[in-house]
């Protein structure tokens, strides 16, 4: 995943968190090295609260954050598939299949 695509995923995750938790902000932070070799830390800041890591959330909050991440990845996966399919010409896609 390129850095630009990672930023798009972060923005989409933040918008999903804002829909699920009114007034909250979501962030995906890389832990460690580059994009391919690092873990991801999930942080949510509820309105009038400090930043909260996933480990410190209640079970219900963790579930809702997981749903937000799932929807983000599903949305972004469709986006990647559309870009990939647009790059193939008709002949290349026949050869590919």
Protein backbone atom coordinates (compact mmCIF):
# COMPACT_ATOMS: atom_id res chain seq x y z
CA UNK A 1 0.00 0.00 0.00
CA UNK A 2 1.39 3.37 -0.99
CA UNK A 3 1.56 6.23 1.54
CA UNK A 4 -1.13 8.15 -0.37
CA UNK A 5 -3.51 5.17 -0.19
CA UNK A 6 -2.75 4.77 3.52
CA UNK A 7 -3.76 8.40 4.08
CA UNK A 8 -7.02 7.79 2.21
CA UNK A 9 -7.77 4.78 4.41
CA UNK A 10 -7.10 6.90 7.51
CA UNK A 11 -9.47 9.61 6.29
CA UNK A 12 -12.20 7.09 5.49
CA UNK A 13 -11.78 5.45 8.91
CA UNK A 14 -12.07 8.87 10.57
CA UNK A 15 -15.29 9.58 8.66
CA UNK A 16 -16.74 6.17 9.69
CA UNK A 17 -15.88 6.85 13.34
CA UNK A 18 -17.59 10.24 13.11
CA UNK A 19 -20.75 8.54 11.84
CA UNK A 20 -20.79 5.87 14.56
CA UNK A 21 -19.63 8.02 17.51
CA UNK A 22 -21.00 11.54 17.16
CA UNK A 23 -18.24 14.11 17.50
CA UNK A 24 -15.45 11.52 17.76
CA UNK A 25 -12.25 11.33 15.75
CA UNK A 26 -10.54 8.14 14.60
CA UNK A 27 -6.91 7.59 13.72
CA UNK A 28 -4.85 4.68 12.43
CA UNK A 29 -1.19 5.01 13.46
CA UNK A 30 1.68 2.93 12.19
CA UNK A 31 3.80 1.22 14.83
CA UNK A 32 7.36 0.47 13.87
CA UNK A 33 8.97 0.59 10.44
CA UNK A 34 7.48 1.24 7.04
CA UNK A 35 3.95 0.66 5.88
CA UNK A 36 4.49 -3.00 4.97
CA UNK A 37 6.39 -4.04 8.11
CA UNK A 38 4.55 -2.24 10.88
CA UNK A 39 1.54 -2.82 13.08
CA UNK A 40 -1.43 -0.48 13.28
CA UNK A 41 -2.56 1.25 16.44
CA UNK A 42 -6.23 2.25 16.48
CA UNK A 43 -6.99 5.44 18.44
CA UNK A 44 -10.40 7.05 18.96
CA UNK A 45 -10.97 10.41 20.62
CA UNK A 46 -14.52 10.82 21.86
CA UNK A 47 -15.85 14.31 22.34
CA UNK A 48 -14.83 15.71 25.74
CA UNK A 49 -12.46 12.76 26.37
CA UNK A 50 -8.79 12.04 25.83
CA UNK A 51 -7.42 9.83 23.08
CA UNK A 52 -8.26 6.24 23.85
CA UNK A 53 -6.44 3.19 22.51
CA UNK A 54 -8.43 0.16 21.49
CA UNK A 55 -7.20 -1.83 24.51
CA UNK A 56 -8.74 0.70 26.92
CA UNK A 57 -12.23 0.73 25.38
CA UNK A 58 -15.26 -1.17 26.59
CA UNK A 59 -16.44 -4.25 24.75
CA UNK A 60 -19.23 -2.37 22.99
CA UNK A 61 -16.90 0.42 21.89
CA UNK A 62 -14.38 -2.11 20.57
CA UNK A 63 -17.14 -3.78 18.58
CA UNK A 64 -18.27 -0.51 17.02
CA UNK A 65 -14.69 0.48 16.19
CA UNK A 66 -14.17 -2.94 14.59
CA UNK A 67 -17.29 -2.42 12.49
CA UNK A 68 -16.01 1.01 11.41
CA UNK A 69 -12.67 -0.52 10.40
CA UNK A 70 -14.41 -3.35 8.53
CA UNK A 71 -16.62 -0.93 6.57
CA UNK A 72 -13.59 1.23 5.81
CA UNK A 73 -11.64 -1.71 4.41
CA UNK A 74 -14.66 -2.98 2.44
CA UNK A 75 -15.20 0.46 0.92
CA UNK A 76 -11.52 0.89 0.16
CA UNK A 77 -11.27 -2.64 -1.26
CA UNK A 78 -13.96 -1.83 -3.81
CA UNK A 79 -12.07 1.35 -4.68
CA UNK A 80 -8.83 -0.60 -5.27
CA UNK A 81 -10.65 -3.16 -7.42
CA UNK A 82 -12.13 -0.38 -9.57
CA UNK A 83 -8.72 1.22 -10.10
CA UNK A 84 -7.15 -2.13 -10.97
CA UNK A 85 -9.88 -3.00 -13.45
CA UNK A 86 -9.60 0.42 -15.11
CA UNK A 87 -5.89 -0.18 -15.76
CA UNK A 88 -6.56 -3.35 -17.76
CA UNK A 89 -7.54 -2.98 -21.38
CA UNK A 90 -10.15 -5.32 -22.73
CA UNK A 91 -7.55 -7.66 -24.25
CA UNK A 92 -5.40 -7.71 -21.11
CA UNK A 93 -8.37 -8.58 -18.93
CA UNK A 94 -9.25 -11.53 -21.19
CA UNK A 95 -5.64 -12.75 -20.96
CA UNK A 96 -5.68 -12.22 -17.21
CA UNK A 97 -8.82 -14.30 -16.70
